[in-house]
Amino acid sequence: MTEEPKYPPINQQTRNLALSVLKQMRDTASTGQVIASQEVQQERKSICYACEHYDVEDHRCKACGCMLSIKISMSANSCPQNKWPK
């Protein structure tokens, strides 16, 4: 019996990270904003902590593999499951 992988393959996680960085760079260039407001971060955190994809032990998203403390704080990031408000 094989266990399902906890996170996407490392190449997919690397791609997700690279796309997130590029999106953040574009957003920062146009808006000047890097860090999401405390209100947005709290809302994202509440959504993630209640999500079935949240890994409590590693504080990571099982859908994309991202470290949630970083993902939640960056202004241009989005939820891979489209659970965060736009």
C-alpha atoms as a PDB file:
ATOM      1  CA  MET A   1       0.000   0.000   0.000  1.00  0.00           C
ATOM      2  CA  THR A   2       1.607   3.269  -1.109  1.00  0.00           C
ATOM      3  CA  GLU A   3       0.973   6.486   0.718  1.00  0.00           C
ATOM      4  CA  GLU A   4      -0.166   9.516  -1.288  1.00  0.00           C
ATOM      5  CA  PRO A   5       2.419  12.289  -1.493  1.00  0.00           C
ATOM      6  CA  LYS A   6       1.922  15.012   1.074  1.00  0.00           C
ATOM      7  CA  TYR A   7       2.752  17.833  -1.363  1.00  0.00           C
ATOM      8  CA  PRO A   8       2.936  18.287  -5.145  1.00  0.00           C
ATOM      9  CA  PRO A   9       6.156  17.061  -6.824  1.00  0.00           C
ATOM     10  CA  ILE A  10       9.171  19.308  -6.148  1.00  0.00           C
ATOM     11  CA  ASN A  11       9.258  20.531  -9.765  1.00  0.00           C
ATOM     12  CA  GLN A  12       5.643  21.735  -9.417  1.00  0.00           C
ATOM     13  CA  GLN A  13       6.431  23.396  -6.090  1.00  0.00           C
ATOM     14  CA  THR A  14       9.404  25.152  -7.714  1.00  0.00           C
ATOM     15  CA  ARG A  15       7.192  26.326 -10.588  1.00  0.00           C
ATOM     16  CA  ASN A  16       4.559  27.570  -8.122  1.00  0.00           C
ATOM     17  CA  LEU A  17       7.201  29.530  -6.213  1.00  0.00           C
ATOM     18  CA  ALA A  18       8.698  31.047  -9.373  1.00  0.00           C
ATOM     19  CA  LEU A  19       5.278  32.143 -10.666  1.00  0.00           C
ATOM     20  CA  SER A  20       4.436  33.611  -7.267  1.00  0.00           C
ATOM     21  CA  VAL A  21       7.675  35.620  -7.207  1.00  0.00           C
ATOM     22  CA  LEU A  22       7.085  36.932 -10.742  1.00  0.00           C
ATOM     23  CA  LYS A  23       3.506  37.895  -9.911  1.00  0.00           C
ATOM     24  CA  GLN A  24       4.684  39.681  -6.763  1.00  0.00           C
ATOM     25  CA  MET A  25       7.397  41.556  -8.685  1.00  0.00           C
ATOM     26  CA  ARG A  26       4.874  42.773 -11.275  1.00  0.00           C
ATOM     27  CA  ASP A  27       2.382  43.757  -8.610  1.00  0.00           C
ATOM     28  CA  THR A  28       5.020  45.576  -6.561  1.00  0.00           C
ATOM     29  CA  ALA A  29       6.224  47.454  -9.648  1.00  0.00           C
ATOM     30  CA  SER A  30       2.714  48.711 -10.366  1.00  0.00           C
ATOM     31  CA  THR A  31       1.352  49.243  -6.827  1.00  0.00           C
ATOM     32  CA  GLY A  32       4.441  49.565  -4.652  1.00  0.00           C
ATOM     33  CA  GLN A  33       2.866  47.120  -2.212  1.00  0.00           C
ATOM     34  CA  VAL A  34       4.780  44.020  -1.079  1.00  0.00           C
ATOM     35  CA  ILE A  35       3.175  43.006   2.200  1.00  0.00           C
ATOM     36  CA  ALA A  36      -0.564  42.426   2.520  1.00  0.00           C
ATOM     37  CA  SER A  37      -2.387  44.428   5.181  1.00  0.00           C
ATOM     38  CA  GLN A  38      -2.824  42.869   8.621  1.00  0.00           C
ATOM     39  CA  GLU A  39      -6.549  42.497   7.907  1.00  0.00           C
ATOM     40  CA  VAL A  40      -5.910  40.610   4.654  1.00  0.00           C
ATOM     41  CA  GLN A  41      -3.290  38.421   6.313  1.00  0.00           C
ATOM     42  CA  GLN A  42      -5.671  37.552   9.150  1.00  0.00           C
ATOM     43  CA  GLU A  43      -8.484  36.730   6.727  1.00  0.00           C
ATOM     44  CA  ARG A  44      -6.189  34.495   4.656  1.00  0.00           C
ATOM     45  CA  LYS A  45      -4.867  32.797   7.784  1.00  0.00           C
ATOM     46  CA  SER A  46      -8.399  32.021   8.996  1.00  0.00           C
ATOM     47  CA  ILE A  47      -9.298  30.521   5.630  1.00  0.00           C
ATOM     48  CA  CYS A  48      -6.112  28.454   5.406  1.00  0.00           C
ATOM     49  CA  TYR A  49      -6.247  27.134   8.963  1.00  0.00           C
ATOM     50  CA  ALA A  50      -9.773  25.823   8.329  1.00  0.00           C
ATOM     51  CA  CYS A  51      -8.891  24.317   4.925  1.00  0.00           C
ATOM     52  CA  GLU A  52      -8.552  20.594   4.267  1.00  0.00           C
ATOM     53  CA  HIS A  53      -5.257  21.305   2.459  1.00  0.00           C
ATOM     54  CA  TYR A  54      -3.610  22.903   5.499  1.00  0.00           C
ATOM     55  CA  ASP A  55      -0.758  20.833   6.965  1.00  0.00           C
ATOM     56  CA  VAL A  56      -0.832  21.642  10.684  1.00  0.00           C
ATOM     57  CA  GLU A  57       2.560  20.042  11.391  1.00  0.00           C
ATOM     58  CA  ASP A  58       4.527  21.853   8.680  1.00  0.00           C
ATOM     59  CA  HIS A  59       2.339  24.987   8.327  1.00  0.00           C
ATOM     60  CA  ARG A  60       2.224  24.418   4.574  1.00  0.00           C
ATOM     61  CA  CYS A  61      -0.427  24.127   1.901  1.00  0.00           C
ATOM     62  CA  LYS A  62      -0.752  20.583   0.566  1.00  0.00           C
ATOM     63  CA  ALA A  63      -2.289  21.900  -2.673  1.00  0.00           C
ATOM     64  CA  CYS A  64       0.698  24.016  -3.733  1.00  0.00           C
ATOM     65  CA  GLY A  65       3.415  23.169  -1.201  1.00  0.00           C
ATOM     66  CA  CYS A  66       3.932  26.775  -0.114  1.00  0.00           C
ATOM     67  CA  MET A  67       4.973  27.866   3.369  1.00  0.00           C
ATOM     68  CA  LEU A  68       1.823  29.620   4.543  1.00  0.00           C
ATOM     69  CA  SER A  69       3.513  32.209   6.756  1.00  0.00           C
ATOM     70  CA  ILE A  70       5.148  33.634   3.629  1.00  0.00           C
ATOM     71  CA  LYS A  71       2.291  33.026   1.185  1.00  0.00           C
ATOM     72  CA  ILE A  72      -0.263  34.721   3.452  1.00  0.00           C
ATOM     73  CA  SER A  73       1.875  37.814   3.956  1.00  0.00           C
ATOM     74  CA  MET A  74       2.708  38.659   0.338  1.00  0.00           C
ATOM     75  CA  SER A  75       0.215  41.039  -1.264  1.00  0.00           C
ATOM     76  CA  ALA A  76       0.026  39.446  -4.734  1.00  0.00           C
ATOM     77  CA  ASN A  77      -0.276  35.810  -3.664  1.00  0.00           C
ATOM     78  CA  SER A  78      -3.454  33.837  -4.200  1.00  0.00           C
ATOM     79  CA  CYS A  79      -4.926  30.578  -2.993  1.00  0.00           C
ATOM     80  CA  PRO A  80      -4.422  27.666  -5.415  1.00  0.00           C
ATOM     81  CA  GLN A  81      -7.951  26.511  -4.506  1.00  0.00           C
ATOM     82  CA  ASN A  82      -9.430  30.019  -5.088  1.00  0.00           C
ATOM     83  CA  LYS A  83     -10.588  30.283  -1.470  1.00  0.00           C
ATOM     84  CA  TRP A  84      -9.139  33.744  -0.777  1.00  0.00           C
ATOM     85  CA  PRO A  85     -11.186  36.792  -1.782  1.00  0.00           C
ATOM     86  CA  LYS A  86      -9.772  38.675  -4.745  1.00  0.00           C
END
